[in-house]
Amino acid sequence: MKRTRQEQRAEETKRAILDSAGRLFAEKGFQAVTMREIAKDAGYSHTAIYLYFKDKETLLQQLVIPPLEQLALQFRRLSEQGTDAAETLKAMAESYTRFLLDNRSMADVLFMEKADRVDIPEPELEVNRLRNRLFAELQTAVAAALPELRGEPQKLEAARMYFYYLQGIASTYGRSEEPAGTLLERILPLVRRGTDVLLLGMRAITKEEA
């Protein structure tokens, strides 16, 4: 169905506001940026922005949910392939690393802004329910690769450590100006090797503590 000119203009306005918000959130942090500042950067009045976004939280969610949904879809497809558990985990880690490096300027906005704890069953914000679902997918993959783990506390701890490992890579290269493709050629083999090392270490500690 063809959109009217008014609908097309409204979509262009929303896109311009979202682009400005993403850039300003990445540069200054979510808390430091005002709706007025976003509107000015996008070239609109401070009242016009509220025609499209109720508040800054709504704007944040509309900005980050679509790319996170794409990552969630990738995770789901990988988990349903039925390959070796360790290989599934490595594939998810590669997918996550690729996603972070492709969106490196927005990494903190995508995962950290207005975030809740991952063990909260039903966060208030939709974006945090999605973030927690992504973490749950990762936790399931870690647990499948480490059948030695016993109980939810051990599984949560192992998933958190693995998540910190992946986030560390993103933080290390978050400000790099090197093209993502070149970075990935060097980093993805380390991600796979690091996964092997972490799994071996977690397995050894779990057996020792049993």
N, C-alpha and C. Protein backbone atom coordinates (compact mmCIF):
# COMPACT_ATOMS: atom_id res chain seq x y z
N MET A 1 0.84 -1.20 0.00
CA MET A 1 0.00 0.00 0.00
C MET A 1 0.89 1.26 0.00
N LYS A 2 0.62 2.14 -0.95
CA LYS A 2 1.43 3.34 -1.10
C LYS A 2 1.14 4.34 0.02
N ARG A 3 2.23 4.89 0.59
CA ARG A 3 2.07 5.87 1.66
C ARG A 3 1.76 7.25 1.07
N THR A 4 0.98 8.02 1.82
CA THR A 4 0.69 9.39 1.40
C THR A 4 1.92 10.26 1.64
N ARG A 5 1.89 11.44 1.05
CA ARG A 5 3.01 12.37 1.22
C ARG A 5 3.18 12.74 2.70
N GLN A 6 2.06 12.92 3.39
CA GLN A 6 2.11 13.29 4.80
C GLN A 6 2.74 12.16 5.64
N GLU A 7 2.36 10.92 5.33
CA GLU A 7 2.93 9.77 6.04
C GLU A 7 4.42 9.64 5.76
N GLN A 8 4.81 9.91 4.53
CA GLN A 8 6.22 9.84 4.17
C GLN A 8 7.02 10.91 4.91
N ARG A 9 6.46 12.14 4.99
CA ARG A 9 7.14 13.22 5.72
C ARG A 9 7.27 12.87 7.20
N ALA A 10 6.20 12.31 7.77
CA ALA A 10 6.23 11.93 9.18
C ALA A 10 7.30 10.87 9.43
N GLU A 11 7.42 9.91 8.51
CA GLU A 11 8.44 8.86 8.64
C GLU A 11 9.83 9.45 8.54
N GLU A 12 10.03 10.39 7.64
CA GLU A 12 11.33 11.05 7.48
C GLU A 12 11.68 11.85 8.73
N THR A 13 10.68 12.52 9.31
CA THR A 13 10.91 13.29 10.55
C THR A 13 11.33 12.36 11.69
N LYS A 14 10.59 11.27 11.85
CA LYS A 14 10.93 10.31 12.91
C LYS A 14 12.34 9.77 12.72
N ARG A 15 12.69 9.45 11.47
CA ARG A 15 14.02 8.91 11.20
C ARG A 15 15.11 9.93 11.53
N ALA A 16 14.88 11.19 11.19
CA ALA A 16 15.85 12.24 11.48
C ALA A 16 16.02 12.42 12.99
N ILE A 17 14.93 12.36 13.73
CA ILE A 17 15.00 12.48 15.20
C ILE A 17 15.74 11.30 15.80
N LEU A 18 15.44 10.10 15.32
CA LEU A 18 16.12 8.90 15.83
C LEU A 18 17.62 8.94 15.52
N ASP A 19 17.97 9.40 14.31
CA ASP A 19 19.39 9.51 13.95
C ASP A 19 20.12 10.48 14.88
N SER A 20 19.49 11.63 15.14
CA SER A 20 20.10 12.62 16.03
C SER A 20 20.22 12.07 17.45
N ALA A 21 19.16 11.41 17.90
CA ALA A 21 19.18 10.84 19.25
C ALA A 21 20.29 9.81 19.38
N GLY A 22 20.41 8.93 18.41
CA GLY A 22 21.46 7.91 18.46
C GLY A 22 22.84 8.52 18.53
N ARG A 23 23.07 9.53 17.71
CA ARG A 23 24.38 10.18 17.70
C ARG A 23 24.66 10.89 19.02
N LEU A 24 23.69 11.61 19.54
CA LEU A 24 23.89 12.35 20.79
C LEU A 24 24.01 11.42 21.99
N PHE A 25 23.20 10.36 22.03
CA PHE A 25 23.32 9.38 23.12
C PHE A 25 24.71 8.76 23.13
N ALA A 26 25.21 8.44 21.93
CA ALA A 26 26.53 7.81 21.82
C ALA A 26 27.63 8.77 22.26
N GLU A 27 27.48 10.05 21.91
CA GLU A 27 28.52 11.04 22.23
C GLU A 27 28.50 11.48 23.69
N LYS A 28 27.29 11.70 24.24
CA LYS A 28 27.18 12.34 25.55
C LYS A 28 26.59 11.46 26.64
N GLY A 29 25.95 10.36 26.24
CA GLY A 29 25.26 9.53 27.21
C GLY A 29 23.79 9.89 27.29
N PHE A 30 22.97 8.90 27.56
CA PHE A 30 21.51 9.08 27.57
C PHE A 30 21.09 10.14 28.57
N GLN A 31 21.62 10.09 29.80
CA GLN A 31 21.17 10.99 30.86
C GLN A 31 21.50 12.45 30.55
N ALA A 32 22.59 12.69 29.83
CA ALA A 32 23.04 14.08 29.60
C ALA A 32 22.30 14.79 28.48
N VAL A 33 21.60 14.04 27.65
CA VAL A 33 20.96 14.62 26.47
C VAL A 33 19.49 14.93 26.76
N THR A 34 19.02 16.10 26.32
CA THR A 34 17.62 16.49 26.52
C THR A 34 16.84 16.33 25.22
N MET A 35 15.53 16.24 25.36
CA MET A 35 14.66 16.16 24.18
C MET A 35 14.81 17.43 23.33
N ARG A 36 14.93 18.57 24.00
CA ARG A 36 15.11 19.84 23.28
C ARG A 36 16.38 19.80 22.42
N GLU A 37 17.45 19.25 22.99
CA GLU A 37 18.72 19.16 22.27
C GLU A 37 18.61 18.25 21.06
N ILE A 38 17.91 17.14 21.22
CA ILE A 38 17.71 16.21 20.11
C ILE A 38 16.92 16.88 18.99
N ALA A 39 15.84 17.56 19.37
CA ALA A 39 15.01 18.25 18.37
C ALA A 39 15.83 19.28 17.60
N LYS A 40 16.62 20.06 18.31
CA LYS A 40 17.44 21.09 17.66
C LYS A 40 18.43 20.46 16.69
N ASP A 41 19.07 19.37 17.12
CA ASP A 41 20.06 18.70 16.26
C ASP A 41 19.39 18.15 14.99
N ALA A 42 18.15 17.68 15.14
CA ALA A 42 17.43 17.12 13.98
C ALA A 42 16.82 18.19 13.10
N GLY A 43 16.78 19.45 13.60
CA GLY A 43 16.24 20.55 12.81
C GLY A 43 14.76 20.79 13.00
N TYR A 44 14.24 20.41 14.20
CA TYR A 44 12.82 20.60 14.49
C TYR A 44 12.66 21.36 15.80
N SER A 45 11.45 21.86 16.02
CA SER A 45 11.18 22.60 17.25
C SER A 45 11.10 21.63 18.43
N HIS A 46 11.30 22.16 19.64
CA HIS A 46 11.28 21.30 20.82
C HIS A 46 9.87 20.78 21.12
N THR A 47 8.86 21.39 20.53
CA THR A 47 7.49 20.88 20.71
C THR A 47 7.16 19.81 19.67
N ALA A 48 7.72 19.92 18.49
CA ALA A 48 7.42 18.96 17.41
C ALA A 48 7.85 17.55 17.76
N ILE A 49 8.94 17.42 18.50
CA ILE A 49 9.46 16.09 18.81
C ILE A 49 8.44 15.26 19.60
N TYR A 50 7.61 15.94 20.42
CA TYR A 50 6.64 15.22 21.25
C TYR A 50 5.43 14.74 20.45
N LEU A 51 5.33 15.15 19.21
CA LEU A 51 4.28 14.61 18.34
C LEU A 51 4.60 13.18 17.94
N TYR A 52 5.90 12.83 18.03
CA TYR A 52 6.35 11.52 17.57
C TYR A 52 6.84 10.62 18.71
N PHE A 53 7.34 11.24 19.77
CA PHE A 53 7.89 10.47 20.89
C PHE A 53 7.42 11.06 22.21
N LYS A 54 6.79 10.24 23.01
CA LYS A 54 6.21 10.71 24.27
C LYS A 54 7.26 11.27 25.22
N ASP A 55 8.40 10.58 25.30
CA ASP A 55 9.48 11.00 26.18
C ASP A 55 10.79 10.38 25.71
N LYS A 56 11.85 10.62 26.45
CA LYS A 56 13.18 10.15 26.04
C LYS A 56 13.28 8.63 26.10
N GLU A 57 12.60 8.00 27.05
CA GLU A 57 12.62 6.54 27.15
C GLU A 57 11.96 5.90 25.93
N THR A 58 10.85 6.49 25.50
CA THR A 58 10.17 5.98 24.30
C THR A 58 11.08 6.09 23.09
N LEU A 59 11.78 7.22 22.99
CA LEU A 59 12.71 7.43 21.89
C LEU A 59 13.83 6.39 21.93
N LEU A 60 14.38 6.17 23.12
CA LEU A 60 15.46 5.18 23.28
C LEU A 60 15.00 3.81 22.82
N GLN A 61 13.80 3.42 23.24
CA GLN A 61 13.32 2.09 22.90
C GLN A 61 13.10 1.92 21.40
N GLN A 62 12.53 2.94 20.76
CA GLN A 62 12.32 2.84 19.32
C GLN A 62 13.64 2.85 18.56
N LEU A 63 14.66 3.40 19.17
CA LEU A 63 15.98 3.43 18.55
C LEU A 63 16.69 2.08 18.64
N VAL A 64 16.61 1.43 19.79
CA VAL A 64 17.45 0.24 20.01
C VAL A 64 16.73 -1.09 19.82
N ILE A 65 15.40 -1.11 19.92
CA ILE A 65 14.70 -2.39 19.81
C ILE A 65 14.87 -3.05 18.43
N PRO A 66 14.72 -2.33 17.31
CA PRO A 66 14.85 -3.01 16.01
C PRO A 66 16.18 -3.74 15.80
N PRO A 67 17.36 -3.11 16.06
CA PRO A 67 18.60 -3.88 15.88
C PRO A 67 18.73 -5.03 16.87
N LEU A 68 18.26 -4.86 18.10
CA LEU A 68 18.33 -5.95 19.08
C LEU A 68 17.42 -7.11 18.67
N GLU A 69 16.30 -6.81 18.06
CA GLU A 69 15.42 -7.88 17.57
C GLU A 69 16.10 -8.68 16.46
N GLN A 70 16.87 -8.00 15.63
CA GLN A 70 17.62 -8.70 14.59
C GLN A 70 18.67 -9.64 15.20
N LEU A 71 19.34 -9.16 16.25
CA LEU A 71 20.32 -10.01 16.93
C LEU A 71 19.63 -11.20 17.59
N ALA A 72 18.47 -10.97 18.20
CA ALA A 72 17.72 -12.06 18.83
C ALA A 72 17.33 -13.11 17.79
N LEU A 73 16.97 -12.67 16.60
CA LEU A 73 16.62 -13.60 15.53
C LEU A 73 17.83 -14.44 15.12
N GLN A 74 19.00 -13.81 15.03
CA GLN A 74 20.23 -14.55 14.72
C GLN A 74 20.51 -15.60 15.79
N PHE A 75 20.38 -15.20 17.06
CA PHE A 75 20.62 -16.14 18.16
C PHE A 75 19.67 -17.34 18.06
N ARG A 76 18.39 -17.05 17.78
CA ARG A 76 17.39 -18.12 17.71
C ARG A 76 17.72 -19.09 16.59
N ARG A 77 18.10 -18.57 15.45
CA ARG A 77 18.43 -19.43 14.31
C ARG A 77 19.64 -20.32 14.63
N LEU A 78 20.63 -19.73 15.28
CA LEU A 78 21.83 -20.51 15.62
C LEU A 78 21.51 -21.59 16.65
N SER A 79 20.68 -21.27 17.63
CA SER A 79 20.34 -22.25 18.67
C SER A 79 19.49 -23.38 18.13
N GLU A 80 18.80 -23.15 17.00
CA GLU A 80 17.92 -24.18 16.43
C GLU A 80 18.62 -25.04 15.38
N GLN A 81 19.90 -24.78 15.12
CA GLN A 81 20.60 -25.54 14.09
C GLN A 81 20.97 -26.96 14.52
N GLY A 82 20.99 -27.20 15.83
CA GLY A 82 21.26 -28.54 16.32
C GLY A 82 22.70 -28.99 16.19
N THR A 83 23.65 -28.06 16.12
CA THR A 83 25.06 -28.41 16.03
C THR A 83 25.62 -28.67 17.43
N ASP A 84 26.89 -29.06 17.48
CA ASP A 84 27.58 -29.27 18.75
C ASP A 84 27.42 -28.03 19.64
N ALA A 85 27.19 -28.27 20.95
CA ALA A 85 26.88 -27.16 21.86
C ALA A 85 27.98 -26.11 21.90
N ALA A 86 29.23 -26.55 21.94
CA ALA A 86 30.34 -25.60 21.98
C ALA A 86 30.41 -24.79 20.70
N GLU A 87 30.14 -25.45 19.56
CA GLU A 87 30.16 -24.74 18.28
C GLU A 87 29.01 -23.74 18.18
N THR A 88 27.86 -24.11 18.75
CA THR A 88 26.73 -23.17 18.77
C THR A 88 27.09 -21.93 19.58
N LEU A 89 27.72 -22.14 20.74
CA LEU A 89 28.13 -21.02 21.58
C LEU A 89 29.13 -20.13 20.84
N LYS A 90 30.09 -20.74 20.16
CA LYS A 90 31.07 -19.95 19.41
C LYS A 90 30.39 -19.16 18.29
N ALA A 91 29.44 -19.78 17.61
CA ALA A 91 28.73 -19.08 16.54
C ALA A 91 27.95 -17.90 17.09
N MET A 92 27.32 -18.08 18.25
CA MET A 92 26.60 -16.97 18.87
C MET A 92 27.56 -15.87 19.30
N ALA A 93 28.72 -16.25 19.82
CA ALA A 93 29.72 -15.26 20.22
C ALA A 93 30.23 -14.48 19.02
N GLU A 94 30.44 -15.17 17.91
CA GLU A 94 30.87 -14.49 16.70
C GLU A 94 29.79 -13.52 16.20
N SER A 95 28.54 -13.97 16.23
CA SER A 95 27.43 -13.13 15.81
C SER A 95 27.33 -11.88 16.68
N TYR A 96 27.48 -12.07 17.99
CA TYR A 96 27.40 -10.96 18.94
C TYR A 96 28.56 -9.98 18.73
N THR A 97 29.77 -10.52 18.54
CA THR A 97 30.95 -9.68 18.33
C THR A 97 30.81 -8.88 17.03
N ARG A 98 30.32 -9.54 15.99
CA ARG A 98 30.11 -8.86 14.71
C ARG A 98 29.10 -7.72 14.88
N PHE A 99 28.03 -8.00 15.61
CA PHE A 99 26.99 -7.01 15.85
C PHE A 99 27.57 -5.81 16.62
N LEU A 100 28.36 -6.08 17.65
CA LEU A 100 28.94 -5.00 18.45
C LEU A 100 29.89 -4.13 17.63
N LEU A 101 30.71 -4.76 16.81
CA LEU A 101 31.68 -3.99 16.03
C LEU A 101 31.01 -3.23 14.89
N ASP A 102 29.93 -3.79 14.35
CA ASP A 102 29.18 -3.06 13.33
C ASP A 102 28.45 -1.85 13.92
N ASN A 103 28.15 -1.93 15.22
CA ASN A 103 27.42 -0.85 15.91
C ASN A 103 28.26 -0.28 17.05
N ARG A 104 29.56 -0.19 16.84
CA ARG A 104 30.46 0.09 17.98
C ARG A 104 30.18 1.43 18.65
N SER A 105 29.79 2.44 17.89
CA SER A 105 29.54 3.74 18.52
C SER A 105 28.28 3.71 19.38
N MET A 106 27.41 2.72 19.12
CA MET A 106 26.13 2.64 19.82
C MET A 106 26.09 1.50 20.83
N ALA A 107 27.20 0.82 21.06
CA ALA A 107 27.19 -0.38 21.88
C ALA A 107 26.63 -0.12 23.28
N ASP A 108 27.08 0.95 23.92
CA ASP A 108 26.59 1.26 25.27
C ASP A 108 25.11 1.61 25.25
N VAL A 109 24.69 2.33 24.22
CA VAL A 109 23.27 2.70 24.12
C VAL A 109 22.42 1.45 23.92
N LEU A 110 22.87 0.54 23.09
CA LEU A 110 22.11 -0.67 22.78
C LEU A 110 21.94 -1.58 23.99
N PHE A 111 22.97 -1.66 24.82
CA PHE A 111 22.94 -2.67 25.87
C PHE A 111 22.92 -2.12 27.30
N MET A 112 23.34 -0.89 27.51
CA MET A 112 23.53 -0.42 28.88
C MET A 112 22.55 0.67 29.33
N GLU A 113 22.12 1.52 28.41
CA GLU A 113 21.27 2.64 28.82
C GLU A 113 19.92 2.15 29.35
N LYS A 114 19.57 2.58 30.55
CA LYS A 114 18.31 2.23 31.21
C LYS A 114 18.17 0.73 31.43
N ALA A 115 19.30 0.03 31.50
CA ALA A 115 19.27 -1.44 31.63
C ALA A 115 18.92 -1.85 33.06
N ASP A 116 18.23 -2.98 33.19
CA ASP A 116 17.96 -3.62 34.47
C ASP A 116 18.86 -4.83 34.63
N ARG A 117 18.82 -5.45 35.80
CA ARG A 117 19.56 -6.69 36.03
C ARG A 117 19.00 -7.80 35.15
N VAL A 118 19.89 -8.69 34.73
CA VAL A 118 19.47 -9.76 33.81
C VAL A 118 18.63 -10.82 34.49
N ASP A 119 18.64 -10.87 35.83
CA ASP A 119 17.88 -11.90 36.52
C ASP A 119 16.51 -11.40 37.00
N ILE A 120 16.10 -10.21 36.54
CA ILE A 120 14.75 -9.73 36.83
C ILE A 120 13.79 -10.39 35.84
N PRO A 121 12.79 -11.14 36.32
CA PRO A 121 11.93 -11.91 35.41
C PRO A 121 11.16 -11.05 34.41
N GLU A 122 10.56 -9.97 34.87
CA GLU A 122 9.72 -9.14 33.99
C GLU A 122 10.06 -7.66 34.17
N PRO A 123 11.12 -7.17 33.50
CA PRO A 123 11.45 -5.74 33.60
C PRO A 123 10.31 -4.88 33.07
N GLU A 124 10.27 -3.66 33.54
CA GLU A 124 9.19 -2.75 33.13
C GLU A 124 9.29 -2.35 31.67
N LEU A 125 10.50 -2.01 31.22
CA LEU A 125 10.67 -1.54 29.85
C LEU A 125 10.76 -2.71 28.87
N GLU A 126 10.13 -2.53 27.73
CA GLU A 126 10.17 -3.57 26.68
C GLU A 126 11.60 -3.86 26.25
N VAL A 127 12.42 -2.81 26.14
CA VAL A 127 13.79 -3.02 25.70
C VAL A 127 14.57 -3.90 26.67
N ASN A 128 14.26 -3.80 27.96
CA ASN A 128 14.96 -4.65 28.93
C ASN A 128 14.45 -6.08 28.92
N ARG A 129 13.18 -6.26 28.57
CA ARG A 129 12.69 -7.62 28.39
C ARG A 129 13.41 -8.28 27.21
N LEU A 130 13.66 -7.50 26.16
CA LEU A 130 14.39 -8.01 25.00
C LEU A 130 15.86 -8.27 25.35
N ARG A 131 16.49 -7.34 26.04
CA ARG A 131 17.88 -7.55 26.46
C ARG A 131 18.02 -8.81 27.31
N ASN A 132 17.08 -9.00 28.24
CA ASN A 132 17.14 -10.17 29.11
C ASN A 132 16.88 -11.45 28.34
N ARG A 133 16.06 -11.36 27.30
CA ARG A 133 15.84 -12.55 26.46
C ARG A 133 17.12 -12.92 25.71
N LEU A 134 17.84 -11.92 25.24
CA LEU A 134 19.13 -12.17 24.58
C LEU A 134 20.11 -12.83 25.55
N PHE A 135 20.14 -12.31 26.78
CA PHE A 135 21.05 -12.89 27.77
C PHE A 135 20.62 -14.32 28.09
N ALA A 136 19.32 -14.57 28.17
CA ALA A 136 18.82 -15.92 28.46
C ALA A 136 19.23 -16.90 27.36
N GLU A 137 19.23 -16.45 26.10
CA GLU A 137 19.67 -17.29 24.99
C GLU A 137 21.15 -17.64 25.16
N LEU A 138 21.94 -16.63 25.54
CA LEU A 138 23.36 -16.86 25.76
C LEU A 138 23.57 -17.81 26.94
N GLN A 139 22.81 -17.62 28.01
CA GLN A 139 22.93 -18.48 29.19
C GLN A 139 22.58 -19.93 28.84
N THR A 140 21.56 -20.13 28.04
CA THR A 140 21.18 -21.48 27.62
C THR A 140 22.31 -22.13 26.82
N ALA A 141 22.95 -21.34 25.95
CA ALA A 141 24.05 -21.87 25.14
C ALA A 141 25.26 -22.23 26.00
N VAL A 142 25.56 -21.37 26.98
CA VAL A 142 26.68 -21.66 27.89
C VAL A 142 26.39 -22.93 28.70
N ALA A 143 25.17 -23.04 29.21
CA ALA A 143 24.80 -24.22 30.00
C ALA A 143 24.86 -25.49 29.17
N ALA A 144 24.45 -25.41 27.90
CA ALA A 144 24.50 -26.59 27.03
C ALA A 144 25.93 -27.02 26.76
N ALA A 145 26.84 -26.05 26.66
CA ALA A 145 28.26 -26.36 26.43
C ALA A 145 28.96 -26.82 27.70
N LEU A 146 28.33 -26.59 28.85
CA LEU A 146 28.91 -26.98 30.15
C LEU A 146 27.87 -27.80 30.94
N PRO A 147 27.63 -29.05 30.53
CA PRO A 147 26.64 -29.87 31.25
C PRO A 147 27.03 -30.15 32.69
N GLU A 148 28.30 -29.85 33.04
CA GLU A 148 28.75 -30.06 34.42
C GLU A 148 28.11 -29.07 35.40
N LEU A 149 27.61 -27.96 34.88
CA LEU A 149 27.02 -26.95 35.76
C LEU A 149 25.79 -27.52 36.47
N ARG A 150 25.65 -27.17 37.75
CA ARG A 150 24.53 -27.66 38.53
C ARG A 150 23.75 -26.48 39.11
N GLY A 151 22.48 -26.41 38.76
CA GLY A 151 21.62 -25.39 39.34
C GLY A 151 21.70 -24.05 38.64
N GLU A 152 20.66 -23.26 38.79
CA GLU A 152 20.57 -21.96 38.14
C GLU A 152 21.65 -20.97 38.59
N PRO A 153 22.03 -20.93 39.87
CA PRO A 153 23.07 -19.97 40.26
C PRO A 153 24.39 -20.19 39.51
N GLN A 154 24.80 -21.45 39.34
CA GLN A 154 26.03 -21.72 38.59
C GLN A 154 25.89 -21.34 37.13
N LYS A 155 24.74 -21.63 36.55
CA LYS A 155 24.52 -21.31 35.14
C LYS A 155 24.51 -19.79 34.92
N LEU A 156 23.88 -19.07 35.83
CA LEU A 156 23.85 -17.61 35.74
C LEU A 156 25.25 -17.03 35.89
N GLU A 157 26.01 -17.54 36.84
CA GLU A 157 27.38 -17.06 37.06
C GLU A 157 28.24 -17.29 35.82
N ALA A 158 28.16 -18.48 35.24
CA ALA A 158 28.96 -18.80 34.06
C ALA A 158 28.57 -17.91 32.88
N ALA A 159 27.27 -17.69 32.70
CA ALA A 159 26.81 -16.84 31.59
C ALA A 159 27.26 -15.40 31.79
N ARG A 160 27.23 -14.93 33.03
CA ARG A 160 27.69 -13.56 33.29
C ARG A 160 29.17 -13.42 32.96
N MET A 161 29.98 -14.38 33.37
CA MET A 161 31.42 -14.30 33.07
C MET A 161 31.66 -14.29 31.57
N TYR A 162 30.91 -15.12 30.86
CA TYR A 162 31.10 -15.18 29.41
C TYR A 162 30.65 -13.87 28.75
N PHE A 163 29.54 -13.32 29.25
CA PHE A 163 29.06 -12.04 28.74
C PHE A 163 30.09 -10.94 28.97
N TYR A 164 30.71 -10.91 30.15
CA TYR A 164 31.73 -9.90 30.44
C TYR A 164 32.92 -10.04 29.49
N TYR A 165 33.25 -11.27 29.17
CA TYR A 165 34.34 -11.53 28.22
C TYR A 165 34.02 -10.90 26.86
N LEU A 166 32.82 -11.14 26.37
CA LEU A 166 32.44 -10.58 25.07
C LEU A 166 32.34 -9.05 25.12
N GLN A 167 31.81 -8.51 26.22
CA GLN A 167 31.72 -7.07 26.36
C GLN A 167 33.10 -6.43 26.44
N GLY A 168 34.05 -7.15 27.03
CA GLY A 168 35.42 -6.64 27.10
C GLY A 168 36.02 -6.43 25.72
N ILE A 169 35.71 -7.34 24.82
CA ILE A 169 36.20 -7.19 23.45
C ILE A 169 35.59 -5.94 22.81
N ALA A 170 34.29 -5.76 23.03
CA ALA A 170 33.62 -4.58 22.47
C ALA A 170 34.21 -3.29 23.03
N SER A 171 34.49 -3.27 24.33
CA SER A 171 35.06 -2.08 24.96
C SER A 171 36.46 -1.79 24.43
N THR A 172 37.23 -2.86 24.20
CA THR A 172 38.60 -2.68 23.71
C THR A 172 38.63 -2.01 22.35
N TYR A 173 37.69 -2.40 21.49
CA TYR A 173 37.72 -1.89 20.12
C TYR A 173 36.61 -0.90 19.82
N GLY A 174 35.92 -0.47 20.86
CA GLY A 174 34.77 0.42 20.66
C GLY A 174 35.11 1.75 20.02
N ARG A 175 36.32 2.25 20.24
CA ARG A 175 36.71 3.55 19.68
C ARG A 175 37.66 3.40 18.49
N SER A 176 37.91 2.18 18.08
CA SER A 176 38.81 1.96 16.95
C SER A 176 38.20 2.47 15.66
N GLU A 177 39.03 3.08 14.81
CA GLU A 177 38.56 3.55 13.52
C GLU A 177 38.85 2.54 12.41
N GLU A 178 39.41 1.40 12.80
CA GLU A 178 39.70 0.35 11.83
C GLU A 178 38.38 -0.22 11.30
N PRO A 179 38.29 -0.50 9.99
CA PRO A 179 37.05 -1.05 9.44
C PRO A 179 36.65 -2.35 10.15
N ALA A 180 35.34 -2.54 10.29
CA ALA A 180 34.83 -3.71 11.01
C ALA A 180 35.33 -5.01 10.38
N GLY A 181 35.36 -5.06 9.04
CA GLY A 181 35.80 -6.28 8.37
C GLY A 181 37.22 -6.66 8.73
N THR A 182 38.12 -5.68 8.77
CA THR A 182 39.51 -5.93 9.12
C THR A 182 39.64 -6.36 10.58
N LEU A 183 38.89 -5.69 11.45
CA LEU A 183 38.90 -6.07 12.87
C LEU A 183 38.43 -7.50 13.07
N LEU A 184 37.36 -7.85 12.39
CA LEU A 184 36.78 -9.18 12.58
C LEU A 184 37.72 -10.28 12.12
N GLU A 185 38.50 -10.02 11.08
CA GLU A 185 39.48 -11.03 10.63
C GLU A 185 40.46 -11.37 11.74
N ARG A 186 40.82 -10.38 12.54
CA ARG A 186 41.77 -10.61 13.63
C ARG A 186 41.10 -11.09 14.90
N ILE A 187 39.88 -10.60 15.16
CA ILE A 187 39.26 -10.84 16.46
C ILE A 187 38.47 -12.15 16.54
N LEU A 188 37.78 -12.53 15.47
CA LEU A 188 36.94 -13.72 15.55
C LEU A 188 37.71 -15.00 15.90
N PRO A 189 38.91 -15.20 15.37
CA PRO A 189 39.67 -16.38 15.83
C PRO A 189 39.96 -16.32 17.33
N LEU A 190 40.19 -15.12 17.86
CA LEU A 190 40.42 -14.98 19.31
C LEU A 190 39.16 -15.26 20.10
N VAL A 191 38.02 -14.87 19.55
CA VAL A 191 36.74 -15.15 20.22
C VAL A 191 36.54 -16.65 20.35
N ARG A 192 36.82 -17.38 19.28
CA ARG A 192 36.66 -18.84 19.31
C ARG A 192 37.66 -19.47 20.28
N ARG A 193 38.91 -19.03 20.20
CA ARG A 193 39.95 -19.57 21.09
C ARG A 193 39.64 -19.22 22.54
N GLY A 194 39.22 -17.99 22.78
CA GLY A 194 38.89 -17.58 24.13
C GLY A 194 37.73 -18.38 24.70
N THR A 195 36.77 -18.72 23.83
CA THR A 195 35.64 -19.55 24.28
C THR A 195 36.13 -20.90 24.74
N ASP A 196 37.04 -21.52 23.97
CA ASP A 196 37.61 -22.81 24.38
C ASP A 196 38.29 -22.71 25.74
N VAL A 197 39.07 -21.65 25.92
CA VAL A 197 39.81 -21.47 27.18
C VAL A 197 38.85 -21.29 28.35
N LEU A 198 37.84 -20.45 28.16
CA LEU A 198 36.88 -20.20 29.23
C LEU A 198 36.09 -21.47 29.58
N LEU A 199 35.68 -22.21 28.57
CA LEU A 199 34.94 -23.45 28.84
C LEU A 199 35.80 -24.45 29.60
N LEU A 200 37.06 -24.57 29.20
CA LEU A 200 37.97 -25.48 29.91
C LEU A 200 38.14 -25.06 31.37
N GLY A 201 38.33 -23.76 31.58
CA GLY A 201 38.52 -23.26 32.94
C GLY A 201 37.28 -23.46 33.80
N MET A 202 36.10 -23.11 33.24
CA MET A 202 34.85 -23.28 34.00
C MET A 202 34.59 -24.75 34.30
N ARG A 203 34.90 -25.61 33.34
CA ARG A 203 34.68 -27.04 33.54
C ARG A 203 35.57 -27.57 34.65
N ALA A 204 36.83 -27.14 34.64
CA ALA A 204 37.77 -27.60 35.66
C ALA A 204 37.36 -27.14 37.05
N ILE A 205 36.96 -25.87 37.16
CA ILE A 205 36.55 -25.34 38.47
C ILE A 205 35.30 -26.03 38.96
N THR A 206 34.35 -26.26 38.06
CA THR A 206 33.09 -26.91 38.45
C THR A 206 33.36 -28.32 38.99
N LYS A 207 34.24 -29.05 38.31
CA LYS A 207 34.58 -30.42 38.76
C LYS A 207 35.29 -30.39 40.11
N GLU A 208 36.17 -29.39 40.26
CA GLU A 208 36.92 -29.28 41.51
C GLU A 208 36.01 -28.97 42.69
N GLU A 209 34.97 -28.16 42.42
CA GLU A 209 34.07 -27.76 43.49
C GLU A 209 33.01 -28.82 43.80
N ALA A 210 32.83 -29.76 42.87
CA ALA A 210 31.78 -30.78 43.06
C ALA A 210 32.10 -31.72 44.21
